[in-house]
Amino acid sequence: MSDLPTRESALALMHEYTASESLRKHMLAVEAAMRAYAGRLGEDPERWGLAGLIHDFDYERFPNAAHSATEEHPAQGVRILRERGWPDDILQAILGHATYCNVPRATPMARALFAVDELTGLVTATALVKPTKSVFDVDARSVRKKMKDKAFARGVSRDDVVLGAQEMGVELDDHIQFVIDAMRGAAVDLGLAGAPAAP
């Protein structure tokens, strides 16, 4: 569709606002999961991928510790994107991924973005504690085990992961494995392809 920004322009904007390598990789992981779900649900992978790629681009500059619905992340980012002509369905999905914005997740895209956002962080953290640091050594069972450990990846909301799967109407283990598989497809970009084997 002609109203879509290019992936290149979205990446440039993400790089302009985000210096953190781990946050950039998080957005790439969410993009991979969104593209995969779009493919599964017969939606537009470009459109859904862009929503995932750009959803946290303002997080570093406008971190929003107070969880304001109208200031800082993601409201400030949405204002910037709106000025640049981004389509409204993507903006609504971005607002919806932050529960404190109180924006209903009314579309499949919005529900998917919420469902994969925290989960990709949990999958990444699970991969990084493996000796290989590889997403290929992660499965749904290992992620579920880590979910039970409250001290592990403390910043990841377990409630959001569970609620996201419920809102999408998918079984949690299937959802986790689907996101793992999507991230495997982008493993090199995510830095999760595995540490080189010792010679």
N, C-alpha and C. Protein backbone atom coordinates (compact mmCIF):
# COMPACT_ATOMS: atom_id res chain seq x y z
N MET A 1 0.84 -1.20 0.00
CA MET A 1 0.00 0.00 0.00
C MET A 1 0.88 1.24 0.00
N SER A 2 0.41 2.26 -0.71
CA SER A 2 1.26 3.43 -0.94
C SER A 2 1.48 4.27 0.31
N ASP A 3 0.60 4.12 1.32
CA ASP A 3 0.76 4.98 2.50
C ASP A 3 1.79 4.45 3.48
N LEU A 4 2.42 3.32 3.16
CA LEU A 4 3.39 2.75 4.10
C LEU A 4 4.76 3.40 3.94
N PRO A 5 5.38 3.78 5.07
CA PRO A 5 6.78 4.20 5.00
C PRO A 5 7.64 3.01 4.57
N THR A 6 8.83 3.26 4.10
CA THR A 6 9.73 2.16 3.75
C THR A 6 10.39 1.61 5.00
N ARG A 7 10.82 0.37 4.93
CA ARG A 7 11.56 -0.21 6.06
C ARG A 7 12.84 0.57 6.30
N GLU A 8 13.48 1.04 5.21
CA GLU A 8 14.73 1.80 5.33
C GLU A 8 14.50 3.08 6.14
N SER A 9 13.39 3.78 5.85
CA SER A 9 13.13 5.02 6.58
C SER A 9 12.81 4.72 8.05
N ALA A 10 12.12 3.61 8.30
CA ALA A 10 11.81 3.21 9.68
C ALA A 10 13.09 2.86 10.44
N LEU A 11 13.98 2.12 9.77
CA LEU A 11 15.27 1.78 10.41
C LEU A 11 16.08 3.03 10.70
N ALA A 12 16.10 3.97 9.77
CA ALA A 12 16.85 5.21 9.97
C ALA A 12 16.32 5.98 11.17
N LEU A 13 15.00 6.03 11.29
CA LEU A 13 14.38 6.73 12.42
C LEU A 13 14.71 6.01 13.73
N MET A 14 14.63 4.69 13.71
CA MET A 14 14.94 3.91 14.89
C MET A 14 16.39 4.14 15.33
N HIS A 15 17.31 4.16 14.37
CA HIS A 15 18.72 4.39 14.69
C HIS A 15 18.96 5.82 15.18
N GLU A 16 18.22 6.76 14.63
CA GLU A 16 18.37 8.16 15.03
C GLU A 16 18.00 8.35 16.50
N TYR A 17 16.96 7.67 16.93
CA TYR A 17 16.45 7.86 18.29
C TYR A 17 16.99 6.87 19.31
N THR A 18 17.54 5.75 18.85
CA THR A 18 17.92 4.66 19.76
C THR A 18 19.38 4.31 19.58
N ALA A 19 20.17 4.57 20.63
CA ALA A 19 21.60 4.21 20.59
C ALA A 19 21.83 2.80 21.12
N SER A 20 20.96 2.34 22.03
CA SER A 20 21.16 1.05 22.69
C SER A 20 21.05 -0.10 21.70
N GLU A 21 22.12 -0.89 21.64
CA GLU A 21 22.12 -2.05 20.73
C GLU A 21 21.07 -3.07 21.15
N SER A 22 20.90 -3.26 22.45
CA SER A 22 19.92 -4.27 22.89
C SER A 22 18.49 -3.82 22.58
N LEU A 23 18.23 -2.53 22.69
CA LEU A 23 16.88 -2.04 22.36
C LEU A 23 16.63 -2.13 20.85
N ARG A 24 17.65 -1.83 20.06
CA ARG A 24 17.51 -1.99 18.60
C ARG A 24 17.20 -3.45 18.26
N LYS A 25 17.91 -4.37 18.90
CA LYS A 25 17.69 -5.79 18.62
C LYS A 25 16.30 -6.23 19.10
N HIS A 26 15.83 -5.62 20.18
CA HIS A 26 14.47 -5.93 20.64
C HIS A 26 13.46 -5.57 19.55
N MET A 27 13.62 -4.41 18.95
CA MET A 27 12.68 -3.98 17.91
C MET A 27 12.77 -4.88 16.68
N LEU A 28 13.98 -5.33 16.36
CA LEU A 28 14.13 -6.27 15.23
C LEU A 28 13.47 -7.62 15.55
N ALA A 29 13.55 -8.03 16.81
CA ALA A 29 12.92 -9.30 17.22
C ALA A 29 11.39 -9.18 17.11
N VAL A 30 10.86 -8.05 17.57
CA VAL A 30 9.42 -7.84 17.50
C VAL A 30 8.99 -7.76 16.02
N GLU A 31 9.81 -7.12 15.20
CA GLU A 31 9.50 -7.07 13.76
C GLU A 31 9.41 -8.49 13.18
N ALA A 32 10.38 -9.34 13.52
CA ALA A 32 10.39 -10.71 12.99
C ALA A 32 9.13 -11.47 13.42
N ALA A 33 8.75 -11.32 14.69
CA ALA A 33 7.57 -12.02 15.19
C ALA A 33 6.30 -11.48 14.54
N MET A 34 6.25 -10.16 14.35
CA MET A 34 5.07 -9.55 13.71
C MET A 34 4.94 -10.00 12.26
N ARG A 35 6.04 -10.04 11.54
CA ARG A 35 5.99 -10.51 10.15
C ARG A 35 5.49 -11.95 10.08
N ALA A 36 5.97 -12.77 11.01
CA ALA A 36 5.57 -14.18 11.02
C ALA A 36 4.08 -14.32 11.31
N TYR A 37 3.59 -13.57 12.28
CA TYR A 37 2.16 -13.65 12.59
C TYR A 37 1.30 -13.10 11.45
N ALA A 38 1.76 -12.05 10.79
CA ALA A 38 1.02 -11.53 9.64
C ALA A 38 0.88 -12.61 8.58
N GLY A 39 1.98 -13.32 8.33
CA GLY A 39 1.94 -14.40 7.35
C GLY A 39 0.97 -15.50 7.75
N ARG A 40 0.96 -15.83 9.04
CA ARG A 40 0.08 -16.90 9.52
C ARG A 40 -1.39 -16.48 9.42
N LEU A 41 -1.67 -15.20 9.65
CA LEU A 41 -3.06 -14.73 9.74
C LEU A 41 -3.56 -14.11 8.44
N GLY A 42 -2.75 -14.19 7.38
CA GLY A 42 -3.18 -13.66 6.10
C GLY A 42 -3.20 -12.14 6.04
N GLU A 43 -2.35 -11.50 6.87
CA GLU A 43 -2.25 -10.04 6.89
C GLU A 43 -1.01 -9.60 6.12
N ASP A 44 -0.76 -8.30 6.10
CA ASP A 44 0.35 -7.74 5.33
C ASP A 44 1.64 -7.74 6.17
N PRO A 45 2.62 -8.59 5.83
CA PRO A 45 3.85 -8.67 6.63
C PRO A 45 4.62 -7.35 6.67
N GLU A 46 4.58 -6.58 5.58
CA GLU A 46 5.29 -5.28 5.58
C GLU A 46 4.70 -4.35 6.63
N ARG A 47 3.40 -4.26 6.61
CA ARG A 47 2.69 -3.34 7.53
C ARG A 47 2.91 -3.77 8.98
N TRP A 48 2.70 -5.05 9.24
CA TRP A 48 2.87 -5.55 10.61
C TRP A 48 4.33 -5.47 11.03
N GLY A 49 5.24 -5.75 10.11
CA GLY A 49 6.66 -5.67 10.43
C GLY A 49 7.06 -4.26 10.82
N LEU A 50 6.54 -3.28 10.11
CA LEU A 50 6.86 -1.88 10.44
C LEU A 50 6.36 -1.51 11.83
N ALA A 51 5.18 -1.99 12.19
CA ALA A 51 4.65 -1.72 13.54
C ALA A 51 5.61 -2.27 14.59
N GLY A 52 6.11 -3.47 14.36
CA GLY A 52 7.05 -4.07 15.31
C GLY A 52 8.38 -3.35 15.33
N LEU A 53 8.85 -2.97 14.16
CA LEU A 53 10.17 -2.34 14.04
C LEU A 53 10.23 -0.99 14.74
N ILE A 54 9.12 -0.25 14.71
CA ILE A 54 9.17 1.14 15.18
C ILE A 54 8.52 1.33 16.55
N HIS A 55 7.94 0.26 17.13
CA HIS A 55 7.07 0.47 18.30
C HIS A 55 7.76 1.08 19.51
N ASP A 56 9.05 0.86 19.66
CA ASP A 56 9.79 1.36 20.84
C ASP A 56 10.85 2.40 20.47
N PHE A 57 10.75 2.98 19.27
CA PHE A 57 11.86 3.84 18.82
C PHE A 57 12.07 5.04 19.74
N ASP A 58 11.02 5.49 20.42
CA ASP A 58 11.12 6.68 21.30
C ASP A 58 11.44 6.32 22.75
N TYR A 59 11.56 5.03 23.04
CA TYR A 59 11.65 4.58 24.45
C TYR A 59 12.89 5.13 25.16
N GLU A 60 14.00 5.17 24.45
CA GLU A 60 15.26 5.61 25.08
C GLU A 60 15.22 7.10 25.45
N ARG A 61 14.69 7.92 24.55
CA ARG A 61 14.62 9.37 24.82
C ARG A 61 13.49 9.76 25.74
N PHE A 62 12.41 8.99 25.71
CA PHE A 62 11.21 9.33 26.50
C PHE A 62 10.75 8.10 27.29
N PRO A 63 11.53 7.71 28.32
CA PRO A 63 11.31 6.40 28.93
C PRO A 63 10.00 6.22 29.71
N ASN A 64 9.41 7.28 30.19
CA ASN A 64 8.08 7.23 30.81
C ASN A 64 7.99 6.35 32.06
N ALA A 65 8.85 6.64 33.03
CA ALA A 65 8.80 5.90 34.30
C ALA A 65 7.47 6.10 35.01
N ALA A 66 6.81 7.23 34.76
CA ALA A 66 5.55 7.54 35.44
C ALA A 66 4.35 6.85 34.79
N HIS A 67 4.59 6.19 33.64
CA HIS A 67 3.50 5.52 32.91
C HIS A 67 2.37 6.49 32.56
N SER A 68 2.75 7.66 32.06
CA SER A 68 1.76 8.63 31.60
C SER A 68 1.15 8.15 30.29
N ALA A 69 -0.15 8.31 30.18
CA ALA A 69 -0.84 7.90 28.95
C ALA A 69 -0.62 8.89 27.81
N THR A 70 -0.21 10.12 28.16
CA THR A 70 -0.14 11.18 27.14
C THR A 70 1.25 11.77 26.94
N GLU A 71 2.17 11.52 27.87
CA GLU A 71 3.53 12.06 27.75
C GLU A 71 4.51 10.91 27.55
N GLU A 72 5.65 11.23 26.95
CA GLU A 72 6.74 10.27 26.79
C GLU A 72 6.30 9.03 26.00
N HIS A 73 7.01 7.89 26.20
CA HIS A 73 6.75 6.67 25.42
C HIS A 73 5.44 6.03 25.80
N PRO A 74 4.60 5.57 24.86
CA PRO A 74 4.77 5.69 23.40
C PRO A 74 4.05 6.90 22.79
N ALA A 75 3.38 7.70 23.65
CA ALA A 75 2.59 8.82 23.11
C ALA A 75 3.44 9.80 22.31
N GLN A 76 4.64 10.09 22.84
CA GLN A 76 5.51 11.04 22.13
C GLN A 76 5.95 10.46 20.78
N GLY A 77 6.29 9.20 20.76
CA GLY A 77 6.70 8.57 19.51
C GLY A 77 5.58 8.58 18.48
N VAL A 78 4.36 8.32 18.96
CA VAL A 78 3.21 8.33 18.05
C VAL A 78 3.01 9.72 17.47
N ARG A 79 3.22 10.76 18.29
CA ARG A 79 3.10 12.13 17.76
C ARG A 79 4.12 12.37 16.65
N ILE A 80 5.34 11.91 16.87
CA ILE A 80 6.40 12.08 15.86
C ILE A 80 6.04 11.33 14.58
N LEU A 81 5.56 10.09 14.74
CA LEU A 81 5.19 9.29 13.57
C LEU A 81 3.99 9.89 12.84
N ARG A 82 3.05 10.43 13.59
CA ARG A 82 1.86 11.04 12.97
C ARG A 82 2.27 12.23 12.10
N GLU A 83 3.20 13.04 12.62
CA GLU A 83 3.70 14.19 11.85
C GLU A 83 4.36 13.73 10.56
N ARG A 84 4.91 12.55 10.57
CA ARG A 84 5.59 12.01 9.39
C ARG A 84 4.66 11.22 8.48
N GLY A 85 3.37 11.20 8.83
CA GLY A 85 2.39 10.59 7.94
C GLY A 85 2.22 9.08 8.08
N TRP A 86 2.63 8.53 9.22
CA TRP A 86 2.45 7.08 9.42
C TRP A 86 0.96 6.74 9.52
N PRO A 87 0.57 5.55 9.02
CA PRO A 87 -0.85 5.19 9.03
C PRO A 87 -1.39 4.97 10.43
N ASP A 88 -2.66 5.31 10.59
CA ASP A 88 -3.29 5.32 11.91
C ASP A 88 -3.38 3.94 12.54
N ASP A 89 -3.56 2.88 11.73
CA ASP A 89 -3.68 1.55 12.35
C ASP A 89 -2.39 1.14 13.05
N ILE A 90 -1.26 1.55 12.50
CA ILE A 90 0.03 1.26 13.16
C ILE A 90 0.15 2.09 14.44
N LEU A 91 -0.25 3.36 14.38
CA LEU A 91 -0.16 4.24 15.56
C LEU A 91 -1.04 3.72 16.69
N GLN A 92 -2.24 3.25 16.35
CA GLN A 92 -3.14 2.72 17.37
C GLN A 92 -2.57 1.44 17.99
N ALA A 93 -1.94 0.62 17.17
CA ALA A 93 -1.32 -0.61 17.70
C ALA A 93 -0.18 -0.25 18.65
N ILE A 94 0.60 0.77 18.31
CA ILE A 94 1.72 1.17 19.17
C ILE A 94 1.20 1.71 20.51
N LEU A 95 0.16 2.51 20.47
CA LEU A 95 -0.44 3.00 21.73
C LEU A 95 -0.99 1.83 22.54
N GLY A 96 -1.59 0.87 21.86
CA GLY A 96 -2.21 -0.26 22.54
C GLY A 96 -1.23 -1.21 23.21
N HIS A 97 0.05 -1.20 22.76
CA HIS A 97 0.99 -2.15 23.37
C HIS A 97 1.40 -1.72 24.77
N ALA A 98 1.14 -0.46 25.13
CA ALA A 98 1.41 0.02 26.49
C ALA A 98 0.07 0.07 27.23
N THR A 99 -0.13 -0.85 28.16
CA THR A 99 -1.45 -0.97 28.80
C THR A 99 -1.86 0.33 29.47
N TYR A 100 -0.88 1.10 29.96
CA TYR A 100 -1.22 2.33 30.68
C TYR A 100 -1.78 3.43 29.77
N CYS A 101 -1.69 3.25 28.46
CA CYS A 101 -2.30 4.23 27.55
C CYS A 101 -3.82 4.05 27.45
N ASN A 102 -4.29 2.89 27.93
CA ASN A 102 -5.74 2.60 27.92
C ASN A 102 -6.36 2.73 26.52
N VAL A 103 -5.59 2.33 25.51
CA VAL A 103 -6.11 2.31 24.15
C VAL A 103 -6.48 0.86 23.82
N PRO A 104 -7.74 0.60 23.48
CA PRO A 104 -8.14 -0.79 23.23
C PRO A 104 -7.37 -1.40 22.06
N ARG A 105 -7.00 -2.67 22.23
CA ARG A 105 -6.33 -3.40 21.15
C ARG A 105 -7.42 -3.98 20.26
N ALA A 106 -7.88 -3.16 19.32
CA ALA A 106 -9.10 -3.46 18.56
C ALA A 106 -8.83 -4.21 17.26
N THR A 107 -7.57 -4.33 16.87
CA THR A 107 -7.25 -4.99 15.59
C THR A 107 -6.33 -6.19 15.84
N PRO A 108 -6.32 -7.14 14.90
CA PRO A 108 -5.36 -8.25 15.03
C PRO A 108 -3.93 -7.75 15.15
N MET A 109 -3.57 -6.69 14.42
CA MET A 109 -2.20 -6.15 14.51
C MET A 109 -1.89 -5.67 15.93
N ALA A 110 -2.82 -4.94 16.52
CA ALA A 110 -2.60 -4.41 17.87
C ALA A 110 -2.47 -5.54 18.88
N ARG A 111 -3.31 -6.57 18.73
CA ARG A 111 -3.23 -7.70 19.68
C ARG A 111 -1.92 -8.46 19.51
N ALA A 112 -1.48 -8.61 18.27
CA ALA A 112 -0.22 -9.33 18.02
C ALA A 112 0.97 -8.55 18.57
N LEU A 113 0.99 -7.24 18.38
CA LEU A 113 2.11 -6.43 18.88
C LEU A 113 2.23 -6.56 20.39
N PHE A 114 1.11 -6.48 21.07
CA PHE A 114 1.12 -6.64 22.53
C PHE A 114 1.58 -8.05 22.92
N ALA A 115 1.11 -9.04 22.16
CA ALA A 115 1.39 -10.44 22.51
C ALA A 115 2.86 -10.81 22.32
N VAL A 116 3.53 -10.20 21.35
CA VAL A 116 4.93 -10.61 21.09
C VAL A 116 5.95 -9.71 21.77
N ASP A 117 5.55 -8.51 22.20
CA ASP A 117 6.50 -7.52 22.71
C ASP A 117 7.31 -8.04 23.90
N GLU A 118 6.63 -8.35 24.99
CA GLU A 118 7.35 -8.82 26.18
C GLU A 118 7.96 -10.20 25.95
N LEU A 119 7.23 -11.03 25.19
CA LEU A 119 7.70 -12.40 24.96
C LEU A 119 9.05 -12.44 24.24
N THR A 120 9.25 -11.56 23.25
CA THR A 120 10.55 -11.57 22.57
C THR A 120 11.68 -11.27 23.55
N GLY A 121 11.41 -10.40 24.52
CA GLY A 121 12.42 -10.10 25.54
C GLY A 121 12.76 -11.33 26.37
N LEU A 122 11.74 -12.10 26.71
CA LEU A 122 11.93 -13.31 27.50
C LEU A 122 12.71 -14.36 26.71
N VAL A 123 12.38 -14.49 25.42
CA VAL A 123 13.09 -15.46 24.57
C VAL A 123 14.56 -15.05 24.44
N THR A 124 14.80 -13.76 24.22
CA THR A 124 16.18 -13.26 24.11
C THR A 124 16.96 -13.54 25.38
N ALA A 125 16.36 -13.21 26.52
CA ALA A 125 17.04 -13.43 27.80
C ALA A 125 17.33 -14.91 28.03
N THR A 126 16.40 -15.77 27.64
CA THR A 126 16.59 -17.22 27.80
C THR A 126 17.73 -17.69 26.91
N ALA A 127 17.80 -17.16 25.69
CA ALA A 127 18.89 -17.55 24.78
C ALA A 127 20.25 -17.10 25.32
N LEU A 128 20.29 -15.90 25.88
CA LEU A 128 21.58 -15.32 26.31
C LEU A 128 22.18 -16.01 27.53
N VAL A 129 21.36 -16.76 28.28
CA VAL A 129 21.95 -17.49 29.41
C VAL A 129 22.36 -18.91 29.02
N LYS A 130 22.05 -19.30 27.78
CA LYS A 130 22.53 -20.60 27.28
C LYS A 130 24.03 -20.50 27.02
N PRO A 131 24.77 -21.59 27.20
CA PRO A 131 26.22 -21.54 26.92
C PRO A 131 26.51 -21.08 25.47
N THR A 132 25.62 -21.44 24.56
CA THR A 132 25.82 -21.10 23.14
C THR A 132 25.33 -19.70 22.80
N LYS A 133 24.52 -19.10 23.71
CA LYS A 133 23.85 -17.81 23.43
C LYS A 133 23.05 -17.86 22.13
N SER A 134 22.42 -19.00 21.89
CA SER A 134 21.73 -19.22 20.62
C SER A 134 20.23 -19.45 20.82
N VAL A 135 19.44 -18.76 20.00
CA VAL A 135 17.99 -18.95 20.03
C VAL A 135 17.62 -20.35 19.50
N PHE A 136 18.55 -20.99 18.82
CA PHE A 136 18.30 -22.35 18.32
C PHE A 136 18.32 -23.37 19.45
N ASP A 137 18.83 -22.98 20.63
CA ASP A 137 18.85 -23.86 21.79
C ASP A 137 17.72 -23.54 22.77
N VAL A 138 16.78 -22.72 22.33
CA VAL A 138 15.65 -22.33 23.18
C VAL A 138 14.39 -23.01 22.64
N ASP A 139 13.55 -23.51 23.55
CA ASP A 139 12.24 -24.01 23.13
C ASP A 139 11.20 -23.50 24.12
N ALA A 140 9.95 -23.78 23.82
CA ALA A 140 8.86 -23.25 24.67
C ALA A 140 9.02 -23.71 26.11
N ARG A 141 9.46 -24.95 26.30
CA ARG A 141 9.60 -25.49 27.66
C ARG A 141 10.63 -24.69 28.47
N SER A 142 11.76 -24.37 27.83
CA SER A 142 12.81 -23.63 28.56
C SER A 142 12.35 -22.20 28.88
N VAL A 143 11.56 -21.61 27.98
CA VAL A 143 11.03 -20.26 28.25
C VAL A 143 10.01 -20.31 29.38
N ARG A 144 9.14 -21.32 29.37
CA ARG A 144 8.14 -21.46 30.44
C ARG A 144 8.82 -21.64 31.79
N LYS A 145 9.91 -22.39 31.79
CA LYS A 145 10.65 -22.61 33.04
C LYS A 145 11.21 -21.29 33.56
N LYS A 146 11.77 -20.49 32.66
CA LYS A 146 12.32 -19.19 33.06
C LYS A 146 11.23 -18.23 33.50
N MET A 147 10.04 -18.35 32.90
CA MET A 147 8.93 -17.48 33.30
C MET A 147 8.59 -17.65 34.78
N LYS A 148 8.78 -18.87 35.29
CA LYS A 148 8.44 -19.15 36.69
C LYS A 148 9.45 -18.54 37.66
N ASP A 149 10.65 -18.25 37.16
CA ASP A 149 11.71 -17.69 38.00
C ASP A 149 11.55 -16.17 38.03
N LYS A 150 10.99 -15.66 39.14
CA LYS A 150 10.67 -14.24 39.24
C LYS A 150 11.90 -13.34 39.11
N ALA A 151 13.06 -13.87 39.51
CA ALA A 151 14.28 -13.06 39.47
C ALA A 151 14.86 -12.95 38.06
N PHE A 152 14.44 -13.84 37.18
CA PHE A 152 15.00 -13.87 35.82
C PHE A 152 14.29 -12.85 34.94
N ALA A 153 15.08 -12.05 34.20
CA ALA A 153 14.50 -11.04 33.28
C ALA A 153 13.36 -10.32 33.99
N ARG A 154 13.70 -9.70 35.11
CA ARG A 154 12.70 -9.12 36.00
C ARG A 154 11.83 -8.06 35.31
N GLY A 155 12.39 -7.41 34.30
CA GLY A 155 11.65 -6.35 33.61
C GLY A 155 10.54 -6.85 32.69
N VAL A 156 10.50 -8.15 32.45
CA VAL A 156 9.50 -8.69 31.53
C VAL A 156 8.22 -9.03 32.29
N SER A 157 7.12 -8.48 31.85
CA SER A 157 5.83 -8.74 32.50
C SER A 157 5.29 -10.11 32.08
N ARG A 158 5.28 -11.03 33.02
CA ARG A 158 4.72 -12.36 32.75
C ARG A 158 3.22 -12.24 32.47
N ASP A 159 2.55 -11.35 33.21
CA ASP A 159 1.11 -11.17 33.02
C ASP A 159 0.80 -10.75 31.59
N ASP A 160 1.62 -9.84 31.04
CA ASP A 160 1.40 -9.38 29.66
C ASP A 160 1.60 -10.52 28.66
N VAL A 161 2.59 -11.38 28.92
CA VAL A 161 2.84 -12.51 28.03
C VAL A 161 1.62 -13.43 28.00
N VAL A 162 1.08 -13.74 29.17
CA VAL A 162 -0.08 -14.63 29.27
C VAL A 162 -1.32 -13.97 28.67
N LEU A 163 -1.54 -12.70 29.01
CA LEU A 163 -2.70 -11.97 28.50
C LEU A 163 -2.63 -11.83 26.98
N GLY A 164 -1.43 -11.59 26.46
CA GLY A 164 -1.26 -11.43 25.01
C GLY A 164 -1.70 -12.67 24.25
N ALA A 165 -1.29 -13.84 24.75
CA ALA A 165 -1.70 -15.10 24.10
C ALA A 165 -3.21 -15.27 24.19
N GLN A 166 -3.78 -14.94 25.36
CA GLN A 166 -5.24 -15.06 25.53
C GLN A 166 -5.98 -14.16 24.55
N GLU A 167 -5.52 -12.91 24.43
CA GLU A 167 -6.20 -11.96 23.54
C GLU A 167 -6.13 -12.41 22.08
N MET A 168 -5.03 -13.09 21.72
CA MET A 168 -4.91 -13.58 20.35
C MET A 168 -5.65 -14.90 20.14
N GLY A 169 -6.07 -15.52 21.24
CA GLY A 169 -6.78 -16.79 21.13
C GLY A 169 -5.86 -17.94 20.76
N VAL A 170 -4.60 -17.86 21.22
CA VAL A 170 -3.65 -18.94 20.92
C VAL A 170 -3.17 -19.56 22.23
N GLU A 171 -2.82 -20.83 22.15
CA GLU A 171 -2.34 -21.55 23.34
C GLU A 171 -0.93 -21.05 23.66
N LEU A 172 -0.64 -20.83 24.94
CA LEU A 172 0.59 -20.15 25.33
C LEU A 172 1.85 -20.85 24.81
N ASP A 173 1.94 -22.17 24.97
CA ASP A 173 3.13 -22.88 24.50
C ASP A 173 3.31 -22.76 22.99
N ASP A 174 2.19 -22.83 22.25
CA ASP A 174 2.26 -22.68 20.79
C ASP A 174 2.72 -21.28 20.43
N HIS A 175 2.21 -20.29 21.15
CA HIS A 175 2.58 -18.88 20.94
C HIS A 175 4.07 -18.68 21.18
N ILE A 176 4.56 -19.23 22.29
CA ILE A 176 5.99 -19.08 22.62
C ILE A 176 6.84 -19.73 21.53
N GLN A 177 6.48 -20.94 21.12
CA GLN A 177 7.28 -21.64 20.11
C GLN A 177 7.22 -20.90 18.77
N PHE A 178 6.07 -20.36 18.43
CA PHE A 178 5.93 -19.62 17.17
C PHE A 178 6.86 -18.41 17.15
N VAL A 179 6.92 -17.69 18.27
CA VAL A 179 7.79 -16.51 18.36
C VAL A 179 9.27 -16.93 18.34
N ILE A 180 9.59 -18.02 19.01
CA ILE A 180 10.98 -18.54 18.95
C ILE A 180 11.35 -18.83 17.50
N ASP A 181 10.47 -19.51 16.78
CA ASP A 181 10.76 -19.87 15.38
C ASP A 181 10.93 -18.62 14.53
N ALA A 182 10.11 -17.61 14.76
CA ALA A 182 10.23 -16.35 14.02
C ALA A 182 11.57 -15.69 14.29
N MET A 183 11.99 -15.71 15.56
CA MET A 183 13.27 -15.10 15.93
C MET A 183 14.45 -15.89 15.37
N ARG A 184 14.28 -17.20 15.25
CA ARG A 184 15.36 -18.00 14.64
C ARG A 184 15.63 -17.53 13.21
N GLY A 185 14.57 -17.12 12.51
CA GLY A 185 14.73 -16.64 11.15
C GLY A 185 15.53 -15.35 11.04
N ALA A 186 15.62 -14.62 12.16
CA ALA A 186 16.37 -13.36 12.18
C ALA A 186 17.56 -13.44 13.15
N ALA A 187 17.97 -14.67 13.46
CA ALA A 187 18.95 -14.90 14.54
C ALA A 187 20.25 -14.10 14.37
N VAL A 188 20.74 -14.00 13.15
CA VAL A 188 22.01 -13.30 12.93
C VAL A 188 21.86 -11.82 13.30
N ASP A 189 20.80 -11.18 12.80
CA ASP A 189 20.57 -9.77 13.10
C ASP A 189 20.34 -9.53 14.59
N LEU A 190 19.78 -10.53 15.26
CA LEU A 190 19.47 -10.39 16.68
C LEU A 190 20.67 -10.72 17.57
N GLY A 191 21.76 -11.18 16.95
CA GLY A 191 22.93 -11.58 17.74
C GLY A 191 22.69 -12.86 18.51
N LEU A 192 21.76 -13.69 18.03
CA LEU A 192 21.37 -14.91 18.75
C LEU A 192 21.61 -16.17 17.91
N ALA A 193 22.50 -16.07 16.94
CA ALA A 193 22.76 -17.24 16.09
C ALA A 193 23.69 -18.22 16.80
N GLY A 194 24.26 -17.81 17.92
CA GLY A 194 25.11 -18.71 18.69
C GLY A 194 26.56 -18.29 18.66
N ALA A 195 27.21 -18.53 19.79
CA ALA A 195 28.65 -18.23 19.86
C ALA A 195 29.38 -19.22 18.98
N PRO A 196 30.42 -18.77 18.27
CA PRO A 196 31.18 -19.72 17.43
C PRO A 196 31.74 -20.85 18.28
N ALA A 197 31.68 -22.03 17.75
CA ALA A 197 32.22 -23.20 18.50
C ALA A 197 33.71 -23.05 18.65
N ALA A 198 34.20 -23.52 19.78
CA ALA A 198 35.65 -23.47 19.99
C ALA A 198 36.35 -24.35 18.97
N PRO A 199 37.51 -23.89 18.44
CA PRO A 199 38.20 -24.69 17.41
C PRO A 199 38.73 -25.99 17.99
